PDB file of N, CA and C in Angstrom:
ATOM      1  N   MET A   1     -23.770   0.607   4.191  1.00  0.00           N
ATOM      2  CA  MET A   1     -22.396   0.480   4.076  1.00  0.00           C
ATOM      3  C   MET A   1     -21.734   1.869   3.967  1.00  0.00           C
ATOM      4  N   ILE A   2     -20.687   2.142   4.598  1.00  0.00           N
ATOM      5  CA  ILE A   2     -19.996   3.420   4.537  1.00  0.00           C
ATOM      6  C   ILE A   2     -19.021   3.376   3.355  1.00  0.00           C
ATOM      7  N   ASN A   3     -18.990   4.402   2.550  1.00  0.00           N
ATOM      8  CA  ASN A   3     -18.131   4.382   1.432  1.00  0.00           C
ATOM      9  C   ASN A   3     -16.813   4.992   1.830  1.00  0.00           C
ATOM     10  N   ILE A   4     -15.738   4.315   1.963  1.00  0.00           N
ATOM     11  CA  ILE A   4     -14.473   4.828   2.318  1.00  0.00           C
ATOM     12  C   ILE A   4     -13.477   4.465   1.112  1.00  0.00           C
ATOM     13  N   ASN A   5     -12.419   5.204   1.112  1.00  0.00           N
ATOM     14  CA  ASN A   5     -11.469   5.104  -0.004  1.00  0.00           C
ATOM     15  C   ASN A   5     -10.308   4.221   0.385  1.00  0.00           C
ATOM     16  N   ILE A   6     -10.529   2.945   0.531  1.00  0.00           N
ATOM     17  CA  ILE A   6      -9.624   2.024   0.950  1.00  0.00           C
ATOM     18  C   ILE A   6      -8.433   1.974   0.006  1.00  0.00           C
ATOM     19  N   ASP A   7      -8.651   2.053  -1.313  1.00  0.00           N
ATOM     20  CA  ASP A   7      -7.553   2.053  -2.312  1.00  0.00           C
ATOM     21  C   ASP A   7      -6.572   3.167  -2.067  1.00  0.00           C
ATOM     22  N   GLY A   8      -7.192   4.315  -1.802  1.00  0.00           N
ATOM     23  CA  GLY A   8      -6.427   5.515  -1.586  1.00  0.00           C
ATOM     24  C   GLY A   8      -5.580   5.475  -0.269  1.00  0.00           C
ATOM     25  N   HIS A   9      -6.238   4.847   0.737  1.00  0.00           N
ATOM     26  CA  HIS A   9      -5.541   4.730   1.990  1.00  0.00           C
ATOM     27  C   HIS A   9      -4.423   3.653   1.897  1.00  0.00           C
ATOM     28  N   PHE A  10      -4.658   2.563   1.133  1.00  0.00           N
ATOM     29  CA  PHE A  10      -3.591   1.606   0.858  1.00  0.00           C
ATOM     30  C   PHE A  10      -2.406   2.309   0.195  1.00  0.00           C
ATOM     31  N   GLY A  11      -2.692   3.138  -0.800  1.00  0.00           N
ATOM     32  CA  GLY A  11      -1.672   3.830  -1.512  1.00  0.00           C
ATOM     33  C   GLY A  11      -0.865   4.741  -0.564  1.00  0.00           C
ATOM     34  N   GLN A  12      -1.527   5.404   0.293  1.00  0.00           N
ATOM     35  CA  GLN A  12      -0.834   6.310   1.216  1.00  0.00           C
ATOM     36  C   GLN A  12       0.182   5.457   2.074  1.00  0.00           C
ATOM     37  N   VAL A  13      -0.367   4.401   2.649  1.00  0.00           N
ATOM     38  CA  VAL A  13       0.408   3.516   3.546  1.00  0.00           C
ATOM     39  C   VAL A  13       1.619   2.984   2.758  1.00  0.00           C
ATOM     40  N   LEU A  14       1.307   2.482   1.599  1.00  0.00           N
ATOM     41  CA  LEU A  14       2.460   1.919   0.738  1.00  0.00           C
ATOM     42  C   LEU A  14       3.524   2.903   0.473  1.00  0.00           C
ATOM     43  N   LYS A  15       3.094   4.100   0.155  1.00  0.00           N
ATOM     44  CA  LYS A  15       4.094   5.152  -0.197  1.00  0.00           C
ATOM     45  C   LYS A  15       4.975   5.537   1.010  1.00  0.00           C
ATOM     46  N   VAL A  16       4.316   5.638   2.200  1.00  0.00           N
ATOM     47  CA  VAL A  16       5.011   6.006   3.405  1.00  0.00           C
ATOM     48  C   VAL A  16       6.028   4.957   3.818  1.00  0.00           C
ATOM     49  N   GLN A  17       5.568   3.647   3.717  1.00  0.00           N
ATOM     50  CA  GLN A  17       6.375   2.554   4.089  1.00  0.00           C
ATOM     51  C   GLN A  17       7.561   2.424   3.126  1.00  0.00           C
ATOM     52  N   ARG A  18       7.305   2.636   1.837  1.00  0.00           N
ATOM     53  CA  ARG A  18       8.394   2.685   0.811  1.00  0.00           C
ATOM     54  C   ARG A  18       9.415   3.739   1.135  1.00  0.00           C
ATOM     55  N   LYS A  19       8.943   4.890   1.402  1.00  0.00           N
ATOM     56  CA  LYS A  19       9.909   6.023   1.748  1.00  0.00           C
ATOM     57  C   LYS A  19      10.637   5.847   3.032  1.00  0.00           C
ATOM     58  N   VAL A  20       9.984   5.161   3.983  1.00  0.00           N
ATOM     59  CA  VAL A  20      10.714   4.836   5.298  1.00  0.00           C
ATOM     60  C   VAL A  20      11.895   3.890   4.940  1.00  0.00           C
ATOM     61  N   GLN A  21      11.689   3.051   4.033  1.00  0.00           N
ATOM     62  CA  GLN A  21      12.689   2.049   3.594  1.00  0.00           C
ATOM     63  C   GLN A  21      13.742   2.651   2.635  1.00  0.00           C
ATOM     64  N   LYS A  22      13.356   3.872   2.176  1.00  0.00           N
ATOM     65  CA  LYS A  22      14.290   4.648   1.324  1.00  0.00           C
ATOM     66  C   LYS A  22      14.639   3.929  -0.040  1.00  0.00           C
ATOM     67  N   ILE A  23      13.446   3.393  -0.530  1.00  0.00           N
ATOM     68  CA  ILE A  23      13.555   2.665  -1.921  1.00  0.00           C
ATOM     69  C   ILE A  23      12.693   3.380  -2.900  1.00  0.00           C
ATOM     70  N   THR A  24      13.096   3.295  -4.112  1.00  0.00           N
ATOM     71  CA  THR A  24      12.322   3.929  -5.193  1.00  0.00           C
ATOM     72  C   THR A  24      11.101   2.889  -5.590  1.00  0.00           C
ATOM     73  N   GLN A  25      10.211   3.482  -6.305  1.00  0.00           N
ATOM     74  CA  GLN A  25       9.119   2.680  -6.843  1.00  0.00           C
ATOM     75  C   GLN A  25       9.714   1.625  -7.756  1.00  0.00           C
ATOM     76  N   ALA A  26      10.632   1.940  -8.518  1.00  0.00           N
ATOM     77  CA  ALA A  26      11.275   0.971  -9.432  1.00  0.00           C
ATOM     78  C   ALA A  26      12.059  -0.241  -8.669  1.00  0.00           C
ATOM     79  N   LYS A  27      12.668   0.092  -7.631  1.00  0.00           N
ATOM     80  CA  LYS A  27      13.315  -0.952  -6.726  1.00  0.00           C
ATOM     81  C   LYS A  27      12.265  -1.789  -6.112  1.00  0.00           C
ATOM     82  N   LEU A  28      11.252  -1.142  -5.623  1.00  0.00           N
ATOM     83  CA  LEU A  28      10.207  -2.037  -4.918  1.00  0.00           C
ATOM     84  C   LEU A  28       9.516  -2.892  -5.984  1.00  0.00           C
ATOM     85  N   ALA A  29       9.273  -2.289  -7.182  1.00  0.00           N
ATOM     86  CA  ALA A  29       8.744  -3.151  -8.251  1.00  0.00           C
ATOM     87  C   ALA A  29       9.470  -4.331  -8.619  1.00  0.00           C
ATOM     88  N   GLU A  30      10.846  -4.094  -8.697  1.00  0.00           N
ATOM     89  CA  GLU A  30      11.865  -5.147  -8.969  1.00  0.00           C
ATOM     90  C   GLU A  30      11.809  -6.207  -7.916  1.00  0.00           C
ATOM     91  N   LYS A  31      11.760  -5.829  -6.708  1.00  0.00           N
ATOM     92  CA  LYS A  31      11.742  -6.829  -5.567  1.00  0.00           C
ATOM     93  C   LYS A  31      10.476  -7.706  -5.641  1.00  0.00           C
ATOM     94  N   VAL A  32       9.330  -7.133  -6.118  1.00  0.00           N
ATOM     95  CA  VAL A  32       8.086  -7.912  -6.072  1.00  0.00           C
ATOM     96  C   VAL A  32       7.671  -8.456  -7.533  1.00  0.00           C
ATOM     97  N   LYS A  33       8.610  -8.127  -8.370  1.00  0.00           N
ATOM     98  CA  LYS A  33       8.395  -8.616  -9.784  1.00  0.00           C
ATOM     99  C   LYS A  33       7.101  -8.142 -10.434  1.00  0.00           C
ATOM    100  N   LEU A  34       6.891  -6.728 -10.136  1.00  0.00           N
ATOM    101  CA  LEU A  34       5.862  -6.043 -10.737  1.00  0.00           C
ATOM    102  C   LEU A  34       6.267  -4.885 -11.543  1.00  0.00           C
ATOM    103  N   ASP A  35       5.477  -4.280 -12.338  1.00  0.00           N
ATOM    104  CA  ASP A  35       5.944  -3.129 -13.093  1.00  0.00           C
ATOM    105  C   ASP A  35       5.944  -1.827 -12.298  1.00  0.00           C
ATOM    106  N   LYS A  36       6.835  -0.962 -12.520  1.00  0.00           N
ATOM    107  CA  LYS A  36       6.950   0.211 -11.731  1.00  0.00           C
ATOM    108  C   LYS A  36       5.656   1.060 -11.894  1.00  0.00           C
ATOM    109  N   THR A  37       4.999   1.023 -13.008  1.00  0.00           N
ATOM    110  CA  THR A  37       3.754   1.836 -13.219  1.00  0.00           C
ATOM    111  C   THR A  37       2.632   1.269 -12.214  1.00  0.00           C
ATOM    112  N   TYR A  38       2.609  -0.051 -12.109  1.00  0.00           N
ATOM    113  CA  TYR A  38       1.667  -0.657 -11.159  1.00  0.00           C
ATOM    114  C   TYR A  38       1.808  -0.219  -9.821  1.00  0.00           C
ATOM    115  N   ILE A  39       3.044  -0.120  -9.291  1.00  0.00           N
ATOM    116  CA  ILE A  39       3.331   0.407  -7.952  1.00  0.00           C
ATOM    117  C   ILE A  39       2.861   1.888  -7.874  1.00  0.00           C
ATOM    118  N   SER A  40       3.124   2.589  -8.900  1.00  0.00           N
ATOM    119  CA  SER A  40       2.739   4.068  -8.885  1.00  0.00           C
ATOM    120  C   SER A  40       1.197   4.139  -8.889  1.00  0.00           C
ATOM    121  N   MET A  41       0.472   3.284  -9.604  1.00  0.00           N
ATOM    122  CA  MET A  41      -0.937   3.260  -9.579  1.00  0.00           C
ATOM    123  C   MET A  41      -1.532   2.833  -8.243  1.00  0.00           C
ATOM    124  N   LEU A  42      -0.915   1.807  -7.528  1.00  0.00           N
ATOM    125  CA  LEU A  42      -1.278   1.515  -6.208  1.00  0.00           C
ATOM    126  C   LEU A  42      -1.120   2.651  -5.232  1.00  0.00           C
ATOM    127  N   GLU A  43      -0.009   3.417  -5.333  1.00  0.00           N
ATOM    128  CA  GLU A  43       0.291   4.469  -4.409  1.00  0.00           C
ATOM    129  C   GLU A  43      -0.697   5.637  -4.655  1.00  0.00           C
ATOM    130  N   ARG A  44      -1.182   5.777  -5.922  1.00  0.00           N
ATOM    131  CA  ARG A  44      -2.146   6.828  -6.208  1.00  0.00           C
ATOM    132  C   ARG A  44      -3.583   6.396  -5.993  1.00  0.00           C
ATOM    133  N   GLY A  45      -3.819   5.114  -5.544  1.00  0.00           N
ATOM    134  CA  GLY A  45      -5.116   4.628  -5.227  1.00  0.00           C
ATOM    135  C   GLY A  45      -5.969   4.253  -6.499  1.00  0.00           C
ATOM    136  N   LEU A  46      -5.190   4.029  -7.618  1.00  0.00           N
ATOM    137  CA  LEU A  46      -5.895   3.709  -8.835  1.00  0.00           C
ATOM    138  C   LEU A  46      -6.065   2.329  -9.193  1.00  0.00           C
ATOM    139  N   ARG A  47      -5.380   1.399  -8.350  1.00  0.00           N
ATOM    140  CA  ARG A  47      -5.500   0.023  -8.488  1.00  0.00           C
ATOM    141  C   ARG A  47      -5.764  -0.674  -7.165  1.00  0.00           C
ATOM    142  N   LYS A  48      -6.355  -1.851  -7.195  1.00  0.00           N
ATOM    143  CA  LYS A  48      -6.731  -2.583  -5.993  1.00  0.00           C
ATOM    144  C   LYS A  48      -5.695  -3.748  -6.009  1.00  0.00           C
ATOM    145  N   PRO A  49      -4.925  -3.857  -4.897  1.00  0.00           N
ATOM    146  CA  PRO A  49      -3.983  -4.929  -4.841  1.00  0.00           C
ATOM    147  C   PRO A  49      -4.662  -6.217  -4.330  1.00  0.00           C
ATOM    148  N   SER A  50      -4.201  -7.301  -4.808  1.00  0.00           N
ATOM    149  CA  SER A  50      -4.720  -8.685  -4.369  1.00  0.00           C
ATOM    150  C   SER A  50      -4.067  -8.915  -3.016  1.00  0.00           C
ATOM    151  N   LEU A  51      -4.553  -9.912  -2.331  1.00  0.00           N
ATOM    152  CA  LEU A  51      -3.916 -10.276  -1.066  1.00  0.00           C
ATOM    153  C   LEU A  51      -2.473 -10.751  -1.260  1.00  0.00           C
ATOM    154  N   GLU A  52      -2.250 -11.528  -2.479  1.00  0.00           N
ATOM    155  CA  GLU A  52      -0.970 -11.911  -2.733  1.00  0.00           C
ATOM    156  C   GLU A  52       0.081 -10.826  -2.899  1.00  0.00           C
ATOM    157  N   VAL A  53      -0.433  -9.707  -3.643  1.00  0.00           N
ATOM    158  CA  VAL A  53       0.385  -8.677  -3.989  1.00  0.00           C
ATOM    159  C   VAL A  53       0.685  -7.875  -2.572  1.00  0.00           C
ATOM    160  N   THR A  54      -0.279  -7.746  -1.736  1.00  0.00           N
ATOM    161  CA  THR A  54      -0.167  -7.128  -0.435  1.00  0.00           C
ATOM    162  C   THR A  54       0.859  -7.754   0.437  1.00  0.00           C
ATOM    163  N   ILE A  55       0.849  -9.071   0.417  1.00  0.00           N
ATOM    164  CA  ILE A  55       1.798  -9.877   1.231  1.00  0.00           C
ATOM    165  C   ILE A  55       3.218  -9.784   0.621  1.00  0.00           C
ATOM    166  N   ASN A  56       3.243  -9.851  -0.629  1.00  0.00           N
ATOM    167  CA  ASN A  56       4.540  -9.667  -1.353  1.00  0.00           C
ATOM    168  C   ASN A  56       5.230  -8.254  -1.127  1.00  0.00           C
ATOM    169  N   LEU A  57       4.297  -7.339  -1.214  1.00  0.00           N
ATOM    170  CA  LEU A  57       4.917  -5.923  -0.863  1.00  0.00           C
ATOM    171  C   LEU A  57       5.340  -5.761   0.542  1.00  0.00           C
ATOM    172  N   ALA A  58       4.564  -6.320   1.495  1.00  0.00           N
ATOM    173  CA  ALA A  58       4.975  -6.280   2.786  1.00  0.00           C
ATOM    174  C   ALA A  58       6.266  -7.059   3.064  1.00  0.00           C
ATOM    175  N   LYS A  59       6.562  -8.182   2.525  1.00  0.00           N
ATOM    176  CA  LYS A  59       7.761  -8.858   2.559  1.00  0.00           C
ATOM    177  C   LYS A  59       8.919  -8.078   1.992  1.00  0.00           C
ATOM    178  N   ALA A  60       8.771  -7.450   0.865  1.00  0.00           N
ATOM    179  CA  ALA A  60       9.741  -6.618   0.177  1.00  0.00           C
ATOM    180  C   ALA A  60      10.062  -5.445   1.071  1.00  0.00           C
ATOM    181  N   LEU A  61       9.029  -4.929   1.808  1.00  0.00           N
ATOM    182  CA  LEU A  61       9.328  -3.843   2.751  1.00  0.00           C
ATOM    183  C   LEU A  61       9.752  -4.276   4.059  1.00  0.00           C
ATOM    184  N   ASP A  62       9.834  -5.509   4.314  1.00  0.00           N
ATOM    185  CA  ASP A  62      10.369  -6.155   5.561  1.00  0.00           C
ATOM    186  C   ASP A  62       9.411  -5.674   6.759  1.00  0.00           C
ATOM    187  N   ILE A  63       8.106  -5.779   6.442  1.00  0.00           N
ATOM    188  CA  ILE A  63       7.118  -5.510   7.548  1.00  0.00           C
ATOM    189  C   ILE A  63       6.038  -6.503   7.467  1.00  0.00           C
ATOM    190  N   PRO A  64       5.339  -6.828   8.589  1.00  0.00           N
ATOM    191  CA  PRO A  64       4.179  -7.832   8.441  1.00  0.00           C
ATOM    192  C   PRO A  64       3.093  -7.192   7.628  1.00  0.00           C
ATOM    193  N   ALA A  65       2.453  -8.000   6.874  1.00  0.00           N
ATOM    194  CA  ALA A  65       1.301  -7.498   6.082  1.00  0.00           C
ATOM    195  C   ALA A  65       0.215  -6.922   6.970  1.00  0.00           C
ATOM    196  N   ILE A  66       0.033  -7.479   8.193  1.00  0.00           N
ATOM    197  CA  ILE A  66      -0.999  -6.938   9.095  1.00  0.00           C
ATOM    198  C   ILE A  66      -0.741  -5.530   9.359  1.00  0.00           C
ATOM    199  N   GLU A  67       0.489  -5.131   9.359  1.00  0.00           N
ATOM    200  CA  GLU A  67       0.856  -3.714   9.719  1.00  0.00           C
ATOM    201  C   GLU A  67       0.292  -2.768   8.589  1.00  0.00           C
ATOM    202  N   ILE A  68       0.406  -3.179   7.328  1.00  0.00           N
ATOM    203  CA  ILE A  68      -0.209  -2.459   6.175  1.00  0.00           C
ATOM    204  C   ILE A  68      -1.740  -2.366   6.403  1.00  0.00           C
ATOM    205  N   VAL A  69      -2.310  -3.582   6.682  1.00  0.00           N
ATOM    206  CA  VAL A  69      -3.712  -3.546   6.737  1.00  0.00           C
ATOM    207  C   VAL A  69      -4.228  -2.766   7.988  1.00  0.00           C
ATOM    208  N   SER A  70      -3.534  -2.819   9.027  1.00  0.00           N
ATOM    209  CA  SER A  70      -3.908  -2.136  10.297  1.00  0.00           C
ATOM    210  C   SER A  70      -3.768  -0.607  10.049  1.00  0.00           C
ATOM    211  N   GLU A  71      -2.804  -0.170   9.301  1.00  0.00           N
ATOM    212  CA  GLU A  71      -2.679   1.380   9.015  1.00  0.00           C
ATOM    213  C   GLU A  71      -3.708   1.771   8.087  1.00  0.00           C
ATOM    214  N   VAL A  72      -4.114   0.939   7.074  1.00  0.00           N
ATOM    215  CA  VAL A  72      -5.199   1.324   6.187  1.00  0.00           C
ATOM    216  C   VAL A  72      -6.554   1.379   7.016  1.00  0.00           C
ATOM    217  N   GLU A  73      -6.729   0.402   7.839  1.00  0.00           N
ATOM    218  CA  GLU A  73      -7.904   0.391   8.716  1.00  0.00           C
ATOM    219  C   GLU A  73      -7.993   1.697   9.550  1.00  0.00           C
ATOM    220  N   SER A  74      -6.801   2.092  10.175  1.00  0.00           N
ATOM    221  CA  SER A  74      -6.842   3.259  10.970  1.00  0.00           C
ATOM    222  C   SER A  74      -7.106   4.516  10.186  1.00  0.00           C
ATOM    223  N   LEU A  75      -6.503   4.602   8.998  1.00  0.00           N
ATOM    224  CA  LEU A  75      -6.827   5.738   8.110  1.00  0.00           C
ATOM    225  C   LEU A  75      -8.429   5.813   7.740  1.00  0.00           C
ATOM    226  N   SER A  76      -8.918   4.617   7.515  1.00  0.00           N
ATOM    227  CA  SER A  76     -10.351   4.444   7.205  1.00  0.00           C
ATOM    228  C   SER A  76     -11.221   5.025   8.340  1.00  0.00           C
ATOM    229  N   GLU A  77     -10.800   4.619   9.568  1.00  0.00           N
ATOM    230  CA  GLU A  77     -11.602   4.962  10.733  1.00  0.00           C
ATOM    231  C   GLU A  77     -11.585   6.532  10.950  1.00  0.00           C
ATOM    232  N   ILE A  78     -10.403   7.169  10.697  1.00  0.00           N
ATOM    233  CA  ILE A  78     -10.261   8.568  10.774  1.00  0.00           C
ATOM    234  C   ILE A  78     -11.187   9.213   9.742  1.00  0.00           C
ATOM    235  N   THR A  79     -11.196   8.680   8.559  1.00  0.00           N
ATOM    236  CA  THR A  79     -12.029   9.238   7.500  1.00  0.00           C
ATOM    237  C   THR A  79     -13.474   9.173   7.817  1.00  0.00           C
ATOM    238  N   GLU A  80     -13.846   8.067   8.438  1.00  0.00           N
ATOM    239  CA  GLU A  80     -15.278   7.872   8.827  1.00  0.00           C
ATOM    240  C   GLU A  80     -15.730   8.846   9.804  1.00  0.00           C
ATOM    241  N   ARG A  81     -14.861   9.261  10.703  1.00  0.00           N
ATOM    242  CA  ARG A  81     -15.250  10.187  11.811  1.00  0.00           C
ATOM    243  C   ARG A  81     -15.350  11.635  11.243  1.00  0.00           C
ATOM    244  N   ASP A  82     -14.585  11.949  10.197  1.00  0.00           N
ATOM    245  CA  ASP A  82     -14.659  13.287   9.718  1.00  0.00           C
ATOM    246  C   ASP A  82     -15.942  13.696   8.954  1.00  0.00           C
TER     247      ASP A  82
END
């Protein structure tokens, strides 16, 4: 099994998507009823989101959850090649 940093890639994708929507971590946390520090930890790759959290974040960002997963997968593939 190849060791890839999925948590870190998820965090990168989440942060980019949040910034595209021009909302703060606090506002995103409020929308998904999570703590702001949890959002920060997700973005820094320090926490693993559940499927439920991933779907709720996607809804709050007004994007399909598959888009987040696809972007994480793409980043992981790039990392594998390097």
